[in-house]
PDB file of N, CA and C in Angstrom:
ATOM      1  N   MET A   1       9.314 -13.948 -18.696  1.00  0.00           N
ATOM      2  CA  MET A   1       8.481 -12.859 -18.187  1.00  0.00           C
ATOM      3  C   MET A   1       8.885 -11.545 -18.875  1.00  0.00           C
ATOM      4  N   THR A   2       7.893 -10.853 -19.373  1.00  0.00           N
ATOM      5  CA  THR A   2       8.187  -9.599 -20.072  1.00  0.00           C
ATOM      6  C   THR A   2       8.370  -8.452 -19.098  1.00  0.00           C
ATOM      7  N   PHE A   3       9.014  -7.413 -19.553  1.00  0.00           N
ATOM      8  CA  PHE A   3       9.271  -6.232 -18.721  1.00  0.00           C
ATOM      9  C   PHE A   3       7.951  -5.575 -18.309  1.00  0.00           C
ATOM     10  N   GLU A   4       6.985  -5.552 -19.244  1.00  0.00           N
ATOM     11  CA  GLU A   4       5.696  -4.935 -18.972  1.00  0.00           C
ATOM     12  C   GLU A   4       4.967  -5.656 -17.846  1.00  0.00           C
ATOM     13  N   LYS A   5       5.049  -6.977 -17.860  1.00  0.00           N
ATOM     14  CA  LYS A   5       4.404  -7.777 -16.816  1.00  0.00           C
ATOM     15  C   LYS A   5       5.060  -7.505 -15.462  1.00  0.00           C
ATOM     16  N   GLU A   6       6.364  -7.422 -15.427  1.00  0.00           N
ATOM     17  CA  GLU A   6       7.071  -7.130 -14.175  1.00  0.00           C
ATOM     18  C   GLU A   6       6.686  -5.761 -13.645  1.00  0.00           C
ATOM     19  N   LEU A   7       6.611  -4.772 -14.542  1.00  0.00           N
ATOM     20  CA  LEU A   7       6.254  -3.413 -14.159  1.00  0.00           C
ATOM     21  C   LEU A   7       4.850  -3.385 -13.558  1.00  0.00           C
ATOM     22  N   GLU A   8       3.941  -4.163 -14.148  1.00  0.00           N
ATOM     23  CA  GLU A   8       2.577  -4.251 -13.645  1.00  0.00           C
ATOM     24  C   GLU A   8       2.551  -4.797 -12.224  1.00  0.00           C
ATOM     25  N   GLU A   9       3.327  -5.833 -11.973  1.00  0.00           N
ATOM     26  CA  GLU A   9       3.370  -6.439 -10.640  1.00  0.00           C
ATOM     27  C   GLU A   9       3.989  -5.497  -9.616  1.00  0.00           C
ATOM     28  N   ILE A  10       5.048  -4.782 -10.016  1.00  0.00           N
ATOM     29  CA  ILE A  10       5.709  -3.829  -9.124  1.00  0.00           C
ATOM     30  C   ILE A  10       4.748  -2.694  -8.766  1.00  0.00           C
ATOM     31  N   THR A  11       4.027  -2.191  -9.772  1.00  0.00           N
ATOM     32  CA  THR A  11       3.060  -1.119  -9.531  1.00  0.00           C
ATOM     33  C   THR A  11       1.981  -1.578  -8.558  1.00  0.00           C
ATOM     34  N   ALA A  12       1.468  -2.797  -8.754  1.00  0.00           N
ATOM     35  CA  ALA A  12       0.443  -3.339  -7.862  1.00  0.00           C
ATOM     36  C   ALA A  12       0.980  -3.470  -6.444  1.00  0.00           C
ATOM     37  N   LEU A  13       2.220  -3.903  -6.313  1.00  0.00           N
ATOM     38  CA  LEU A  13       2.849  -4.068  -5.004  1.00  0.00           C
ATOM     39  C   LEU A  13       2.994  -2.717  -4.300  1.00  0.00           C
ATOM     40  N   ILE A  14       3.423  -1.695  -5.037  1.00  0.00           N
ATOM     41  CA  ILE A  14       3.580  -0.353  -4.470  1.00  0.00           C
ATOM     42  C   ILE A  14       2.221   0.193  -4.021  1.00  0.00           C
ATOM     43  N   LEU A  15       1.199   0.051  -4.867  1.00  0.00           N
ATOM     44  CA  LEU A  15      -0.132   0.522  -4.507  1.00  0.00           C
ATOM     45  C   LEU A  15      -0.649  -0.190  -3.262  1.00  0.00           C
ATOM     46  N   PHE A  16      -0.423  -1.507  -3.189  1.00  0.00           N
ATOM     47  CA  PHE A  16      -0.851  -2.289  -2.037  1.00  0.00           C
ATOM     48  C   PHE A  16      -0.143  -1.824  -0.765  1.00  0.00           C
ATOM     49  N   SER A  17       1.152  -1.552  -0.865  1.00  0.00           N
ATOM     50  CA  SER A  17       1.936  -1.091   0.281  1.00  0.00           C
ATOM     51  C   SER A  17       1.464   0.278   0.759  1.00  0.00           C
ATOM     52  N   CYS A  18       1.221   1.189  -0.180  1.00  0.00           N
ATOM     53  CA  CYS A  18       0.752   2.533   0.170  1.00  0.00           C
ATOM     54  C   CYS A  18      -0.614   2.469   0.838  1.00  0.00           C
ATOM     55  N   THR A  19      -1.494   1.615   0.308  1.00  0.00           N
ATOM     56  CA  THR A  19      -2.819   1.463   0.896  1.00  0.00           C
ATOM     57  C   THR A  19      -2.713   0.905   2.311  1.00  0.00           C
ATOM     58  N   GLY A  20      -1.836  -0.074   2.490  1.00  0.00           N
ATOM     59  CA  GLY A  20      -1.629  -0.660   3.819  1.00  0.00           C
ATOM     60  C   GLY A  20      -1.097   0.358   4.806  1.00  0.00           C
ATOM     61  N   LEU A  21      -0.131   1.171   4.375  1.00  0.00           N
ATOM     62  CA  LEU A  21       0.416   2.218   5.241  1.00  0.00           C
ATOM     63  C   LEU A  21      -0.648   3.237   5.599  1.00  0.00           C
ATOM     64  N   PHE A  22      -1.457   3.631   4.603  1.00  0.00           N
ATOM     65  CA  PHE A  22      -2.511   4.614   4.827  1.00  0.00           C
ATOM     66  C   PHE A  22      -3.499   4.120   5.880  1.00  0.00           C
ATOM     67  N   PHE A  23      -3.969   2.869   5.748  1.00  0.00           N
ATOM     68  CA  PHE A  23      -4.909   2.333   6.720  1.00  0.00           C
ATOM     69  C   PHE A  23      -4.259   2.141   8.083  1.00  0.00           C
ATOM     70  N   GLY A  24      -2.978   1.807   8.089  1.00  0.00           N
ATOM     71  CA  GLY A  24      -2.252   1.677   9.351  1.00  0.00           C
ATOM     72  C   GLY A  24      -2.197   3.000  10.107  1.00  0.00           C
ATOM     73  N   PHE A  25      -1.875   4.082   9.399  1.00  0.00           N
ATOM     74  CA  PHE A  25      -1.844   5.406  10.030  1.00  0.00           C
ATOM     75  C   PHE A  25      -3.236   5.820  10.475  1.00  0.00           C
ATOM     76  N   LEU A  26      -4.248   5.540   9.641  1.00  0.00           N
ATOM     77  CA  LEU A  26      -5.623   5.883   9.972  1.00  0.00           C
ATOM     78  C   LEU A  26      -6.055   5.192  11.261  1.00  0.00           C
ATOM     79  N   LEU A  27      -5.787   3.913  11.369  1.00  0.00           N
ATOM     80  CA  LEU A  27      -6.121   3.166  12.588  1.00  0.00           C
ATOM     81  C   LEU A  27      -5.355   3.695  13.787  1.00  0.00           C
ATOM     82  N   PHE A  28      -4.094   4.056  13.591  1.00  0.00           N
ATOM     83  CA  PHE A  28      -3.284   4.595  14.672  1.00  0.00           C
ATOM     84  C   PHE A  28      -3.868   5.900  15.198  1.00  0.00           C
ATOM     85  N   PHE A  29      -4.268   6.790  14.283  1.00  0.00           N
ATOM     86  CA  PHE A  29      -4.833   8.069  14.715  1.00  0.00           C
ATOM     87  C   PHE A  29      -6.175   7.885  15.416  1.00  0.00           C
ATOM     88  N   ILE A  30      -7.004   6.958  14.915  1.00  0.00           N
ATOM     89  CA  ILE A  30      -8.278   6.678  15.568  1.00  0.00           C
ATOM     90  C   ILE A  30      -8.025   6.156  16.987  1.00  0.00           C
ATOM     91  N   TRP A  31      -7.058   5.260  17.133  1.00  0.00           N
ATOM     92  CA  TRP A  31      -6.730   4.702  18.444  1.00  0.00           C
ATOM     93  C   TRP A  31      -6.137   5.765  19.362  1.00  0.00           C
ATOM     94  N   ALA A  32      -5.284   6.623  18.819  1.00  0.00           N
ATOM     95  CA  ALA A  32      -4.602   7.644  19.614  1.00  0.00           C
ATOM     96  C   ALA A  32      -5.570   8.699  20.153  1.00  0.00           C
ATOM     97  N   TYR A  33      -6.592   9.037  19.362  1.00  0.00           N
ATOM     98  CA  TYR A  33      -7.506  10.101  19.774  1.00  0.00           C
ATOM     99  C   TYR A  33      -8.783   9.598  20.433  1.00  0.00           C
ATOM    100  N   SER A  34      -8.925   8.294  20.599  1.00  0.00           N
ATOM    101  CA  SER A  34     -10.127   7.780  21.241  1.00  0.00           C
ATOM    102  C   SER A  34      -9.957   7.700  22.754  1.00  0.00           C
TER     103      SER A  34
END
């Protein structure tokens, strides 16, 4: 496995985690203020 391929997977994982956290907070705020 090349370094570039690993970096690509790590970047995708970070983006996926950030997106998941963002939607989690969004759902929490919608639930909290409803």
